[in-house]
Amino acid sequence: MLRSTLAFCALALTATSAAAASTYSASPAVAASGRFITRDIVWNCGPAACQGATDESRPLVLCQSLAKNAGRLDSFIVDGRALSAAELDRCNAAAKAPKTSALAAQ
């Protein structure tokens, strides 16, 4: 009885730690506000940053999907670890282009 109880507890602890969601934080170059629902994550954006959490572990894909909606990002942090400059450049390649007036270009 004691063995089966210990085995069950060990399994429950393992399942809980494996299912913990990663937290994401990003700082858009231009302030974004509102809520974006993108690939596997809901982003809540305020004046300084966007925040979200998900079980998915594809930070670059999540970064790119946010950049498509919010524009260029100054930083992207996953569980306290910032993307490198090269990773952030790859992320920002997907950023939407800033809106410009067609008349201003002429």
C-alpha atoms as a PDB file:
ATOM      1  CA  MET A   1       0.000   0.000   0.000  1.00  0.00           C
ATOM      2  CA  LEU A   2       2.782   2.391   0.926  1.00  0.00           C
ATOM      3  CA  ARG A   3       4.673   1.640  -2.299  1.00  0.00           C
ATOM      4  CA  SER A   4       1.670   2.354  -4.493  1.00  0.00           C
ATOM      5  CA  THR A   5       1.008   5.620  -2.616  1.00  0.00           C
ATOM      6  CA  LEU A   6       4.631   6.728  -3.053  1.00  0.00           C
ATOM      7  CA  ALA A   7       4.580   5.792  -6.743  1.00  0.00           C
ATOM      8  CA  PHE A   8       1.372   7.764  -7.259  1.00  0.00           C
ATOM      9  CA  CYS A   9       2.830  10.833  -5.489  1.00  0.00           C
ATOM     10  CA  ALA A  10       6.016  10.657  -7.558  1.00  0.00           C
ATOM     11  CA  LEU A  11       3.988  10.421 -10.763  1.00  0.00           C
ATOM     12  CA  ALA A  12       1.777  13.342  -9.740  1.00  0.00           C
ATOM     13  CA  LEU A  13       4.796  15.537  -8.981  1.00  0.00           C
ATOM     14  CA  THR A  14       6.436  14.657 -12.301  1.00  0.00           C
ATOM     15  CA  ALA A  15       3.256  15.419 -14.248  1.00  0.00           C
ATOM     16  CA  THR A  16       2.810  18.750 -12.455  1.00  0.00           C
ATOM     17  CA  SER A  17       6.348  19.945 -13.176  1.00  0.00           C
ATOM     18  CA  ALA A  18       6.165  18.833 -16.823  1.00  0.00           C
ATOM     19  CA  ALA A  19       2.891  20.696 -17.360  1.00  0.00           C
ATOM     20  CA  ALA A  20       4.081  24.027 -15.958  1.00  0.00           C
ATOM     21  CA  ALA A  21       3.551  26.857 -18.433  1.00  0.00           C
ATOM     22  CA  SER A  22       6.430  29.030 -19.555  1.00  0.00           C
ATOM     23  CA  THR A  23       6.047  32.769 -19.101  1.00  0.00           C
ATOM     24  CA  TYR A  24       6.854  35.192 -21.874  1.00  0.00           C
ATOM     25  CA  SER A  25       7.432  38.936 -21.802  1.00  0.00           C
ATOM     26  CA  ALA A  26       8.196  41.277 -24.692  1.00  0.00           C
ATOM     27  CA  SER A  27       8.855  44.979 -25.075  1.00  0.00           C
ATOM     28  CA  PRO A  28       7.530  46.354 -28.366  1.00  0.00           C
ATOM     29  CA  ALA A  29       9.554  49.189 -29.927  1.00  0.00           C
ATOM     30  CA  VAL A  30       6.314  51.160 -30.260  1.00  0.00           C
ATOM     31  CA  ALA A  31       3.897  50.884 -27.348  1.00  0.00           C
ATOM     32  CA  ALA A  32       1.188  48.326 -28.028  1.00  0.00           C
ATOM     33  CA  SER A  33      -1.963  47.921 -26.032  1.00  0.00           C
ATOM     34  CA  GLY A  34      -4.734  45.401 -26.030  1.00  0.00           C
ATOM     35  CA  ARG A  35      -4.948  41.684 -26.364  1.00  0.00           C
ATOM     36  CA  PHE A  36      -3.497  39.578 -29.169  1.00  0.00           C
ATOM     37  CA  ILE A  37      -4.363  35.934 -29.660  1.00  0.00           C
ATOM     38  CA  THR A  38      -1.599  34.325 -31.690  1.00  0.00           C
ATOM     39  CA  ARG A  39      -0.078  30.869 -32.072  1.00  0.00           C
ATOM     40  CA  ASP A  40      -0.857  28.994 -28.853  1.00  0.00           C
ATOM     41  CA  ILE A  41      -0.709  32.095 -26.616  1.00  0.00           C
ATOM     42  CA  VAL A  42      -2.797  35.051 -25.519  1.00  0.00           C
ATOM     43  CA  TRP A  43      -0.747  38.251 -25.217  1.00  0.00           C
ATOM     44  CA  ASN A  44      -1.888  41.007 -22.870  1.00  0.00           C
ATOM     45  CA  CYS A  45      -0.127  44.225 -23.805  1.00  0.00           C
ATOM     46  CA  GLY A  46       0.139  47.330 -21.668  1.00  0.00           C
ATOM     47  CA  PRO A  47       2.075  50.568 -22.041  1.00  0.00           C
ATOM     48  CA  ALA A  48       5.479  49.008 -21.286  1.00  0.00           C
ATOM     49  CA  ALA A  49       5.291  45.317 -22.226  1.00  0.00           C
ATOM     50  CA  CYS A  50       3.295  42.359 -23.482  1.00  0.00           C
ATOM     51  CA  GLN A  51       2.941  39.271 -21.286  1.00  0.00           C
ATOM     52  CA  GLY A  52       1.654  35.757 -21.830  1.00  0.00           C
ATOM     53  CA  ALA A  53       2.028  32.142 -20.747  1.00  0.00           C
ATOM     54  CA  THR A  54       1.748  28.844 -22.592  1.00  0.00           C
ATOM     55  CA  ASP A  55       2.819  25.211 -22.435  1.00  0.00           C
ATOM     56  CA  GLU A  56       4.337  25.480 -25.918  1.00  0.00           C
ATOM     57  CA  SER A  57       8.126  25.645 -26.036  1.00  0.00           C
ATOM     58  CA  ARG A  58       8.792  27.400 -29.321  1.00  0.00           C
ATOM     59  CA  PRO A  59      10.003  30.845 -28.232  1.00  0.00           C
ATOM     60  CA  LEU A  60      11.128  32.036 -31.657  1.00  0.00           C
ATOM     61  CA  VAL A  61       7.817  31.094 -33.292  1.00  0.00           C
ATOM     62  CA  LEU A  62       5.884  32.805 -30.480  1.00  0.00           C
ATOM     63  CA  CYS A  63       8.124  35.879 -30.787  1.00  0.00           C
ATOM     64  CA  GLN A  64       7.546  36.054 -34.543  1.00  0.00           C
ATOM     65  CA  SER A  65       3.781  35.754 -34.164  1.00  0.00           C
ATOM     66  CA  LEU A  66       3.745  38.617 -31.656  1.00  0.00           C
ATOM     67  CA  ALA A  67       5.983  40.741 -33.904  1.00  0.00           C
ATOM     68  CA  LYS A  68       3.538  40.215 -36.796  1.00  0.00           C
ATOM     69  CA  ASN A  69       0.789  41.748 -34.644  1.00  0.00           C
ATOM     70  CA  ALA A  70       2.552  44.264 -32.405  1.00  0.00           C
ATOM     71  CA  GLY A  71       5.479  45.286 -34.615  1.00  0.00           C
ATOM     72  CA  ARG A  72       9.203  45.286 -33.938  1.00  0.00           C
ATOM     73  CA  LEU A  73      10.268  44.084 -30.474  1.00  0.00           C
ATOM     74  CA  ASP A  74      13.098  45.539 -28.376  1.00  0.00           C
ATOM     75  CA  SER A  75      13.284  42.442 -26.162  1.00  0.00           C
ATOM     76  CA  PHE A  76      11.720  39.007 -25.740  1.00  0.00           C
ATOM     77  CA  ILE A  77      12.124  37.080 -22.491  1.00  0.00           C
ATOM     78  CA  VAL A  78      11.253  33.431 -21.834  1.00  0.00           C
ATOM     79  CA  ASP A  79      11.178  32.338 -18.183  1.00  0.00           C
ATOM     80  CA  GLY A  80      13.689  35.060 -17.299  1.00  0.00           C
ATOM     81  CA  ARG A  81      16.044  34.374 -20.226  1.00  0.00           C
ATOM     82  CA  ALA A  82      16.253  36.995 -22.970  1.00  0.00           C
ATOM     83  CA  LEU A  83      16.612  35.993 -26.611  1.00  0.00           C
ATOM     84  CA  SER A  84      20.069  36.670 -28.016  1.00  0.00           C
ATOM     85  CA  ALA A  85      20.576  39.557 -30.459  1.00  0.00           C
ATOM     86  CA  ALA A  86      20.653  37.091 -33.377  1.00  0.00           C
ATOM     87  CA  GLU A  87      17.428  35.381 -32.232  1.00  0.00           C
ATOM     88  CA  LEU A  88      15.734  38.763 -31.749  1.00  0.00           C
ATOM     89  CA  ASP A  89      16.792  39.794 -35.271  1.00  0.00           C
ATOM     90  CA  ARG A  90      15.205  36.605 -36.668  1.00  0.00           C
ATOM     91  CA  CYS A  91      12.073  37.362 -34.673  1.00  0.00           C
ATOM     92  CA  ASN A  92      11.872  40.955 -35.899  1.00  0.00           C
ATOM     93  CA  ALA A  93      12.214  39.842 -39.526  1.00  0.00           C
ATOM     94  CA  ALA A  94       8.558  38.842 -39.200  1.00  0.00           C
ATOM     95  CA  ALA A  95       7.480  42.221 -37.777  1.00  0.00           C
ATOM     96  CA  LYS A  96       4.825  44.131 -39.603  1.00  0.00           C
ATOM     97  CA  ALA A  97       6.090  47.156 -41.470  1.00  0.00           C
ATOM     98  CA  PRO A  98       5.347  50.510 -39.851  1.00  0.00           C
ATOM     99  CA  LYS A  99       2.376  52.294 -41.358  1.00  0.00           C
ATOM    100  CA  THR A 100       3.396  55.159 -43.602  1.00  0.00           C
ATOM    101  CA  SER A 101       1.334  57.485 -45.684  1.00  0.00           C
ATOM    102  CA  ALA A 102       1.544  56.966 -49.448  1.00  0.00           C
ATOM    103  CA  LEU A 103       1.464  60.736 -49.887  1.00  0.00           C
ATOM    104  CA  ALA A 104       4.449  61.223 -47.571  1.00  0.00           C
ATOM    105  CA  ALA A 105       6.521  58.927 -49.766  1.00  0.00           C
ATOM    106  CA  GLN A 106       5.979  61.099 -52.849  1.00  0.00           C
END
